[in-house]
């Protein structure tokens, strides 16, 4: 059965109802996030304990706290994610690669790295591929690499699509909407663009929605998009994440 056109798909996603089964489905997809910048080591322990208790996919924290979180997550299935080139999205590829390498050395399983935003706005899509390749080399094998495209800043659909395709070609593992640090975070429109690129790639790349996702209603729309574009069996913690700090409370 063919997928609906994108306008129809977006309309359907906006009307997707919040249901208890979707809430239960979403909890294992959460990257439980704390990136306020004022966290202390004492804050990381309870965060990790909540993630383990509820079975979220990962915790996502600043690199300085990775060693503490690594110890608290030992023996659990919860993965440890951190950020690089964050949140500004510098075009300093060497810095992004160095931060990625340092995060992995400290014990991170996953690194969410911000794309070179200013360069993209100037039309330099090629720098996205360079950043992904450098960070992939720095991370080494077995590390999940996610690219944050800050879609609310890029705004233009053609630019978002071109950057996403460049990242896929360079070997990214996940495409992510946002840092959560800008006025516009994740949107269904941006998610549709990224998921369409992932569909082109045969579903071999994952998707992460982040920035302003707080309710079961939000979850329903994103899951509808993914199920429609990539099939009902595609979504799993290996392919789909919600990056959020308050979503877990709303779902539980």
Protein backbone atom coordinates (compact mmCIF):
# COMPACT_ATOMS: atom_id res chain seq x y z
CA UNK A 1 0.00 0.00 0.00
CA UNK A 2 1.59 3.35 -1.02
CA UNK A 3 2.40 5.99 1.56
CA UNK A 4 0.19 9.11 1.60
CA UNK A 5 1.59 12.36 0.20
CA UNK A 6 3.56 14.38 2.71
CA UNK A 7 0.85 16.97 3.35
CA UNK A 8 -1.66 14.23 4.12
CA UNK A 9 0.90 12.43 6.24
CA UNK A 10 1.55 15.56 8.30
CA UNK A 11 -2.17 16.11 8.79
CA UNK A 12 -2.53 12.52 9.99
CA UNK A 13 0.43 12.90 12.36
CA UNK A 14 -0.98 16.08 13.88
CA UNK A 15 -4.26 14.27 14.58
CA UNK A 16 -2.66 11.08 15.92
CA UNK A 17 -4.26 10.39 19.32
CA UNK A 18 -2.27 9.93 22.51
CA UNK A 19 -2.80 6.35 23.67
CA UNK A 20 -1.53 4.31 26.59
CA UNK A 21 0.03 1.73 24.29
CA UNK A 22 2.01 4.43 22.49
CA UNK A 23 3.23 5.82 25.80
CA UNK A 24 4.46 2.37 26.82
CA UNK A 25 6.07 1.95 23.43
CA UNK A 26 7.89 5.28 23.72
CA UNK A 27 9.53 4.86 27.14
CA UNK A 28 12.24 2.46 25.88
CA UNK A 29 12.99 4.95 23.09
CA UNK A 30 13.88 7.87 25.37
CA UNK A 31 17.35 9.35 25.71
CA UNK A 32 16.79 10.75 29.22
CA UNK A 33 18.55 14.08 28.90
CA UNK A 34 20.10 16.60 31.27
CA UNK A 35 21.98 19.32 29.39
CA UNK A 36 21.19 22.44 31.40
CA UNK A 37 24.85 23.12 32.02
CA UNK A 38 24.56 23.46 35.79
CA UNK A 39 24.44 19.75 36.62
CA UNK A 40 26.70 18.42 39.34
CA UNK A 41 27.93 14.90 39.96
CA UNK A 42 25.17 14.59 42.57
CA UNK A 43 22.53 15.17 39.88
CA UNK A 44 23.82 12.42 37.60
CA UNK A 45 23.22 9.53 39.97
CA UNK A 46 19.44 10.02 40.28
CA UNK A 47 19.17 10.58 36.53
CA UNK A 48 20.88 7.27 35.83
CA UNK A 49 18.77 5.51 38.44
CA UNK A 50 15.55 6.75 36.79
CA UNK A 51 16.77 5.60 33.39
CA UNK A 52 17.57 2.12 34.69
CA UNK A 53 14.34 1.84 36.66
CA UNK A 54 12.15 2.70 33.68
CA UNK A 55 14.30 1.07 31.00
CA UNK A 56 15.03 4.07 28.79
CA UNK A 57 17.33 3.70 25.81
CA UNK A 58 20.05 6.02 27.14
CA UNK A 59 20.96 8.95 29.28
CA UNK A 60 22.40 12.00 27.53
CA UNK A 61 24.65 14.33 29.55
CA UNK A 62 27.62 16.61 29.16
CA UNK A 63 30.96 14.89 28.67
CA UNK A 64 32.31 16.07 32.02
CA UNK A 65 29.86 13.76 33.78
CA UNK A 66 30.41 10.69 31.62
CA UNK A 67 32.77 8.92 34.08
CA UNK A 68 30.26 9.28 36.94
CA UNK A 69 27.39 8.05 34.77
CA UNK A 70 29.47 5.17 33.44
CA UNK A 71 29.89 3.87 36.98
CA UNK A 72 26.20 4.33 37.83
CA UNK A 73 25.01 2.55 34.68
CA UNK A 74 27.38 -0.40 35.05
CA UNK A 75 25.57 -3.69 34.58
CA UNK A 76 22.47 -2.10 33.01
CA UNK A 77 21.31 -2.02 29.40
CA UNK A 78 20.99 1.78 29.41
CA UNK A 79 23.43 3.36 27.00
CA UNK A 80 25.48 6.45 27.78
CA UNK A 81 25.31 9.37 25.36
CA UNK A 82 27.01 12.75 25.38
CA UNK A 83 27.38 15.73 23.05
CA UNK A 84 30.13 17.30 20.96
CA UNK A 85 30.42 20.58 19.06
CA UNK A 86 27.50 21.53 21.26
CA UNK A 87 25.41 23.60 21.16
CA UNK A 88 26.88 26.14 18.75
CA UNK A 89 27.66 23.85 15.80
CA UNK A 90 31.08 25.30 15.03
CA UNK A 91 32.78 24.65 11.72
CA UNK A 92 35.93 23.63 13.63
CA UNK A 93 36.03 20.01 12.49
CA UNK A 94 39.17 19.20 14.47
CA UNK A 95 37.56 20.41 17.70
CA UNK A 96 34.46 18.33 17.09
CA UNK A 97 36.59 15.25 16.41
CA UNK A 98 38.72 15.84 19.51
CA UNK A 99 35.64 16.20 21.69
CA UNK A 100 34.21 13.01 20.22
CA UNK A 101 37.40 11.07 20.88
CA UNK A 102 37.59 12.38 24.46
CA UNK A 103 33.98 11.43 25.13
CA UNK A 104 34.53 7.89 23.92
CA UNK A 105 37.72 7.58 25.95
CA UNK A 106 35.75 8.65 29.04
CA UNK A 107 33.21 5.87 28.47
CA UNK A 108 30.45 7.19 26.17
CA UNK A 109 28.59 4.69 23.99
CA UNK A 110 27.02 7.39 21.82
CA UNK A 111 27.96 10.91 20.73
CA UNK A 112 25.47 13.50 19.49
CA UNK A 113 27.49 16.01 17.47
CA UNK A 114 26.11 19.28 16.13
CA UNK A 115 26.44 19.96 12.41
CA UNK A 116 28.35 23.10 11.29
CA UNK A 117 25.29 25.36 11.33
CA UNK A 118 26.74 28.67 10.13
CA UNK A 119 28.55 26.92 7.29
CA UNK A 120 25.32 25.21 6.27
CA UNK A 121 23.47 28.49 6.26
CA UNK A 122 26.19 29.78 3.92
CA UNK A 123 25.53 26.83 1.62
CA UNK A 124 28.55 24.68 2.53
CA UNK A 125 26.78 21.32 2.68
CA UNK A 126 30.04 19.49 2.02
CA UNK A 127 31.36 20.39 5.45
CA UNK A 128 28.69 18.15 6.97
CA UNK A 129 30.25 15.11 5.35
CA UNK A 130 33.72 16.19 6.49
CA UNK A 131 32.54 16.56 10.08
CA UNK A 132 30.80 13.18 10.09
CA UNK A 133 33.83 11.42 8.61
CA UNK A 134 36.20 13.06 11.11
CA UNK A 135 34.00 12.25 14.09
CA UNK A 136 33.43 8.70 12.87
CA UNK A 137 37.19 8.17 12.72
CA UNK A 138 37.62 9.74 16.15
CA UNK A 139 34.85 7.64 17.69
CA UNK A 140 36.11 4.33 16.39
CA UNK A 141 34.03 1.19 15.85
CA UNK A 142 30.99 0.34 17.89
CA UNK A 143 30.12 3.91 18.88
CA UNK A 144 26.76 5.34 17.79
CA UNK A 145 27.19 8.72 16.12
CA UNK A 146 24.21 11.06 15.84
CA UNK A 147 24.21 14.31 13.85
CA UNK A 148 22.17 17.23 15.21
CA UNK A 149 20.96 19.31 12.28
CA UNK A 150 19.29 22.12 14.27
CA UNK A 151 16.41 22.09 11.81
CA UNK A 152 14.66 25.04 13.47
CA UNK A 153 17.62 27.23 12.51
CA UNK A 154 18.23 25.78 9.04
CA UNK A 155 14.48 26.08 8.32
CA UNK A 156 14.61 25.58 4.54
CA UNK A 157 13.41 22.08 3.55
CA UNK A 158 15.88 21.76 0.68
CA UNK A 159 18.81 22.68 2.93
CA UNK A 160 17.72 20.28 5.68
CA UNK A 161 17.32 17.48 3.14
CA UNK A 162 20.68 18.17 1.50
CA UNK A 163 22.48 18.20 4.86
CA UNK A 164 20.78 14.98 5.92
CA UNK A 165 21.74 13.25 2.68
CA UNK A 166 25.35 14.40 3.05
CA UNK A 167 25.46 12.95 6.57
CA UNK A 168 24.00 9.63 5.44
CA UNK A 169 26.53 9.37 2.63
CA UNK A 170 29.34 10.05 5.12
CA UNK A 171 28.24 7.22 7.41
CA UNK A 172 26.16 8.78 10.19
CA UNK A 173 24.15 6.43 12.43
CA UNK A 174 21.32 8.81 13.40
CA UNK A 175 19.84 12.06 12.15
CA UNK A 176 18.64 14.28 15.01
CA UNK A 177 16.42 17.34 14.77
CA UNK A 178 17.69 19.73 17.40
CA UNK A 179 19.89 20.61 20.35
CA UNK A 180 16.92 21.82 22.38
CA UNK A 181 18.78 25.10 22.88
CA UNK A 182 17.03 27.17 20.19
CA UNK A 183 13.57 28.68 19.95
CA UNK A 184 12.32 26.04 17.52
CA UNK A 185 13.11 22.45 18.43
CA UNK A 186 11.70 19.31 16.89
CA UNK A 187 8.76 19.70 14.51
CA UNK A 188 6.72 17.16 12.59
CA UNK A 189 7.68 18.96 9.38
CA UNK A 190 11.40 18.55 10.04
CA UNK A 191 10.90 14.97 11.15
CA UNK A 192 9.14 14.20 7.88
CA UNK A 193 12.13 15.54 5.93
CA UNK A 194 14.67 13.52 7.93
CA UNK A 195 12.58 10.34 7.92
CA UNK A 196 12.11 10.68 4.16
CA UNK A 197 15.90 10.76 3.72
CA UNK A 198 16.16 7.71 5.98
CA UNK A 199 13.51 6.01 3.84
CA UNK A 200 15.65 6.74 0.76
CA UNK A 201 18.56 5.06 2.56
CA UNK A 202 16.55 1.90 3.13
CA UNK A 203 16.05 2.57 6.83
CA UNK A 204 19.68 1.90 7.70
CA UNK A 205 20.02 5.23 9.55
CA UNK A 206 18.20 6.07 12.78
CA UNK A 207 16.16 9.13 13.74
CA UNK A 208 16.08 11.16 16.96
CA UNK A 209 13.50 13.83 17.73
CA UNK A 210 14.65 16.30 20.38
CA UNK A 211 13.65 19.74 21.55
CA UNK A 212 10.25 20.45 23.06
CA UNK A 213 8.85 16.91 23.14
CA UNK A 214 6.95 16.74 26.41
CA UNK A 215 3.72 14.79 26.05
CA UNK A 216 2.14 11.56 24.90
CA UNK A 217 0.45 13.60 22.19
CA UNK A 218 3.83 14.69 20.84
CA UNK A 219 5.02 11.10 20.82
CA UNK A 220 1.99 9.92 18.85
CA UNK A 221 2.72 12.20 15.90
CA UNK A 222 6.35 11.20 15.54
CA UNK A 223 5.61 7.50 15.82
CA UNK A 224 2.90 7.83 13.18
CA UNK A 225 5.40 9.42 10.79
CA UNK A 226 7.98 6.70 11.34
CA UNK A 227 5.50 3.84 11.11
CA UNK A 228 4.05 5.18 7.87
CA UNK A 229 7.30 6.03 6.12
CA UNK A 230 9.43 3.12 7.32
CA UNK A 231 6.99 0.43 8.35
CA UNK A 232 5.49 -0.62 11.69
CA UNK A 233 8.41 -2.85 12.59
CA UNK A 234 11.19 -0.31 11.98
CA UNK A 235 10.97 1.66 15.22
CA UNK A 236 13.16 0.32 18.03
CA UNK A 237 15.79 1.79 20.37
CA UNK A 238 18.33 0.86 17.71
CA UNK A 239 16.66 3.12 15.12
CA UNK A 240 14.49 5.70 16.88
CA UNK A 241 14.92 7.95 19.92
CA UNK A 242 13.21 10.77 21.73
CA UNK A 243 15.65 13.18 23.38
CA UNK A 244 13.85 14.71 26.35
CA UNK A 245 14.12 15.66 30.00
CA UNK A 246 10.46 15.81 31.09
CA UNK A 247 8.83 13.35 28.67
CA UNK A 248 9.45 10.32 30.87
CA UNK A 249 7.36 11.78 33.69
CA UNK A 250 4.49 12.52 31.30
CA UNK A 251 4.51 9.00 29.88
CA UNK A 252 4.91 7.14 33.16
